[in-house]
Amino acid sequence: MKSAKPIDYRKLSAELEELTNSMQSSDIDIDSAAEAYERGLQIIDLLETHLKTTQNKVNRLKASFDKQ
């Protein structure tokens, strides 16, 4: 079974960068910073999973071409 929604790597990367920039601002309150940090960790986990999945796919493709 495939996941319900594919990961948009660029969109998540942009969101992570935006969160990072907002957390570096001196105007952010502690509660917002904590929420941004938590969301950042979620995004990092999604991106790492996506990268690992993509790497495995590339490795399988490479192996199938190496056999030919």
N, C-alpha and C. Protein backbone atom coordinates (compact mmCIF):
# COMPACT_ATOMS: atom_id res chain seq x y z
N MET A 1 0.84 -1.18 0.00
CA MET A 1 0.00 0.00 0.00
C MET A 1 0.89 1.24 0.00
N LYS A 2 0.58 2.19 -0.87
CA LYS A 2 1.35 3.43 -0.94
C LYS A 2 0.80 4.45 0.04
N SER A 3 1.66 5.40 0.41
CA SER A 3 1.21 6.46 1.31
C SER A 3 0.16 7.31 0.61
N ALA A 4 -0.71 7.91 1.38
CA ALA A 4 -1.84 8.64 0.82
C ALA A 4 -1.41 9.88 0.04
N LYS A 5 -0.33 10.50 0.47
CA LYS A 5 0.08 11.76 -0.14
C LYS A 5 1.58 11.75 -0.40
N PRO A 6 1.99 11.92 -1.65
CA PRO A 6 3.43 11.94 -1.92
C PRO A 6 4.10 13.18 -1.31
N ILE A 7 5.36 13.02 -0.99
CA ILE A 7 6.12 14.11 -0.39
C ILE A 7 6.58 15.08 -1.47
N ASP A 8 6.35 16.36 -1.23
CA ASP A 8 6.86 17.40 -2.13
C ASP A 8 8.14 17.93 -1.48
N TYR A 9 9.27 17.39 -1.93
CA TYR A 9 10.56 17.70 -1.31
C TYR A 9 10.85 19.20 -1.31
N ARG A 10 10.62 19.83 -2.43
CA ARG A 10 10.92 21.28 -2.52
C ARG A 10 10.05 22.09 -1.58
N LYS A 11 8.78 21.75 -1.51
CA LYS A 11 7.87 22.49 -0.64
C LYS A 11 8.26 22.32 0.83
N LEU A 12 8.58 21.08 1.22
CA LEU A 12 8.99 20.85 2.60
C LEU A 12 10.32 21.52 2.92
N SER A 13 11.24 21.51 1.98
CA SER A 13 12.53 22.18 2.19
C SER A 13 12.32 23.68 2.37
N ALA A 14 11.44 24.25 1.57
CA ALA A 14 11.15 25.68 1.68
C ALA A 14 10.49 25.99 3.02
N GLU A 15 9.58 25.13 3.46
CA GLU A 15 8.93 25.34 4.75
C GLU A 15 9.96 25.25 5.88
N LEU A 16 10.87 24.30 5.79
CA LEU A 16 11.91 24.16 6.81
C LEU A 16 12.79 25.41 6.85
N GLU A 17 13.15 25.92 5.69
CA GLU A 17 13.97 27.14 5.64
C GLU A 17 13.21 28.32 6.24
N GLU A 18 11.92 28.41 5.95
CA GLU A 18 11.10 29.49 6.51
C GLU A 18 11.03 29.38 8.04
N LEU A 19 10.86 28.16 8.53
CA LEU A 19 10.82 27.96 9.99
C LEU A 19 12.16 28.34 10.62
N THR A 20 13.24 27.95 9.97
CA THR A 20 14.58 28.28 10.48
C THR A 20 14.77 29.79 10.55
N ASN A 21 14.37 30.47 9.49
CA ASN A 21 14.49 31.93 9.47
C ASN A 21 13.65 32.58 10.55
N SER A 22 12.43 32.08 10.75
CA SER A 22 11.56 32.67 11.77
C SER A 22 12.11 32.43 13.17
N MET A 23 12.74 31.28 13.38
CA MET A 23 13.30 30.98 14.70
C MET A 23 14.53 31.83 14.99
N GLN A 24 15.20 32.31 13.96
CA GLN A 24 16.37 33.16 14.14
C GLN A 24 15.98 34.61 14.42
N SER A 25 14.70 34.90 14.27
CA SER A 25 14.21 36.26 14.51
C SER A 25 14.11 36.51 16.01
N SER A 26 14.44 37.71 16.41
CA SER A 26 14.34 38.06 17.83
C SER A 26 12.89 38.36 18.22
N ASP A 27 12.01 38.42 17.22
CA ASP A 27 10.60 38.75 17.49
C ASP A 27 9.74 37.55 17.85
N ILE A 28 10.26 36.35 17.70
CA ILE A 28 9.45 35.15 17.93
C ILE A 28 9.34 34.87 19.42
N ASP A 29 8.10 34.54 19.85
CA ASP A 29 7.90 34.22 21.26
C ASP A 29 8.24 32.74 21.50
N ILE A 30 8.41 32.38 22.74
CA ILE A 30 8.89 31.05 23.11
C ILE A 30 7.92 29.95 22.66
N ASP A 31 6.62 30.20 22.75
CA ASP A 31 5.65 29.18 22.34
C ASP A 31 5.70 28.95 20.83
N SER A 32 5.80 30.03 20.07
CA SER A 32 5.91 29.90 18.62
C SER A 32 7.21 29.22 18.23
N ALA A 33 8.27 29.53 18.95
CA ALA A 33 9.56 28.91 18.67
C ALA A 33 9.50 27.41 18.94
N ALA A 34 8.84 27.01 20.01
CA ALA A 34 8.70 25.60 20.34
C ALA A 34 7.88 24.87 19.27
N GLU A 35 6.81 25.50 18.80
CA GLU A 35 5.98 24.91 17.74
C GLU A 35 6.78 24.80 16.43
N ALA A 36 7.53 25.83 16.12
CA ALA A 36 8.35 25.82 14.90
C ALA A 36 9.41 24.73 15.00
N TYR A 37 10.00 24.58 16.15
CA TYR A 37 11.02 23.54 16.36
C TYR A 37 10.42 22.15 16.16
N GLU A 38 9.25 21.94 16.76
CA GLU A 38 8.58 20.65 16.63
C GLU A 38 8.23 20.36 15.16
N ARG A 39 7.70 21.35 14.46
CA ARG A 39 7.37 21.17 13.05
C ARG A 39 8.65 20.93 12.23
N GLY A 40 9.70 21.61 12.57
CA GLY A 40 10.98 21.41 11.89
C GLY A 40 11.46 19.98 12.02
N LEU A 41 11.33 19.41 13.21
CA LEU A 41 11.73 18.02 13.42
C LEU A 41 10.87 17.07 12.59
N GLN A 42 9.58 17.36 12.49
CA GLN A 42 8.69 16.54 11.66
C GLN A 42 9.12 16.60 10.19
N ILE A 43 9.42 17.81 9.72
CA ILE A 43 9.83 17.98 8.33
C ILE A 43 11.13 17.24 8.06
N ILE A 44 12.08 17.37 8.97
CA ILE A 44 13.37 16.69 8.81
C ILE A 44 13.16 15.18 8.71
N ASP A 45 12.29 14.64 9.55
CA ASP A 45 12.00 13.21 9.51
C ASP A 45 11.40 12.82 8.15
N LEU A 46 10.46 13.61 7.66
CA LEU A 46 9.84 13.33 6.35
C LEU A 46 10.87 13.39 5.23
N LEU A 47 11.72 14.41 5.27
CA LEU A 47 12.73 14.57 4.22
C LEU A 47 13.75 13.44 4.26
N GLU A 48 14.19 13.05 5.45
CA GLU A 48 15.15 11.95 5.57
C GLU A 48 14.55 10.64 5.05
N THR A 49 13.30 10.38 5.38
CA THR A 49 12.63 9.17 4.90
C THR A 49 12.52 9.20 3.38
N HIS A 50 12.16 10.35 2.84
CA HIS A 50 12.05 10.49 1.39
C HIS A 50 13.40 10.27 0.71
N LEU A 51 14.45 10.84 1.26
CA LEU A 51 15.78 10.67 0.69
C LEU A 51 16.23 9.21 0.73
N LYS A 52 15.98 8.53 1.83
CA LYS A 52 16.35 7.12 1.95
C LYS A 52 15.58 6.28 0.94
N THR A 53 14.29 6.55 0.80
CA THR A 53 13.46 5.82 -0.17
C THR A 53 13.96 6.05 -1.58
N THR A 54 14.27 7.29 -1.89
CA THR A 54 14.77 7.62 -3.23
C THR A 54 16.12 6.96 -3.48
N GLN A 55 17.00 6.97 -2.48
CA GLN A 55 18.31 6.33 -2.62
C GLN A 55 18.16 4.84 -2.87
N ASN A 56 17.24 4.19 -2.15
CA ASN A 56 17.00 2.77 -2.36
C ASN A 56 16.48 2.50 -3.77
N LYS A 57 15.62 3.36 -4.26
CA LYS A 57 15.09 3.22 -5.62
C LYS A 57 16.22 3.36 -6.65
N VAL A 58 17.07 4.34 -6.47
CA VAL A 58 18.21 4.54 -7.37
C VAL A 58 19.13 3.32 -7.33
N ASN A 59 19.38 2.80 -6.15
CA ASN A 59 20.24 1.62 -6.02
C ASN A 59 19.64 0.41 -6.74
N ARG A 60 18.31 0.21 -6.60
CA ARG A 60 17.66 -0.89 -7.30
C ARG A 60 17.74 -0.71 -8.81
N LEU A 61 17.51 0.51 -9.29
CA LEU A 61 17.60 0.78 -10.73
C LEU A 61 19.01 0.53 -11.24
N LYS A 62 19.98 1.01 -10.49
CA LYS A 62 21.38 0.83 -10.89
C LYS A 62 21.72 -0.66 -10.94
N ALA A 63 21.27 -1.41 -9.95
CA ALA A 63 21.54 -2.84 -9.92
C ALA A 63 20.90 -3.55 -11.11
N SER A 64 19.70 -3.13 -11.48
CA SER A 64 19.03 -3.78 -12.62
C SER A 64 19.75 -3.47 -13.92
N PHE A 65 20.31 -2.29 -14.05
CA PHE A 65 21.06 -1.94 -15.26
C PHE A 65 22.44 -2.60 -15.27
N ASP A 66 23.01 -2.81 -14.11
CA ASP A 66 24.32 -3.47 -14.02
C ASP A 66 24.22 -4.94 -14.46
N LYS A 67 23.05 -5.55 -14.27
CA LYS A 67 22.84 -6.94 -14.63
C LYS A 67 22.75 -7.11 -16.16
N GLN A 68 22.41 -6.06 -16.86
CA GLN A 68 22.18 -6.15 -18.31
C GLN A 68 23.46 -6.18 -19.07
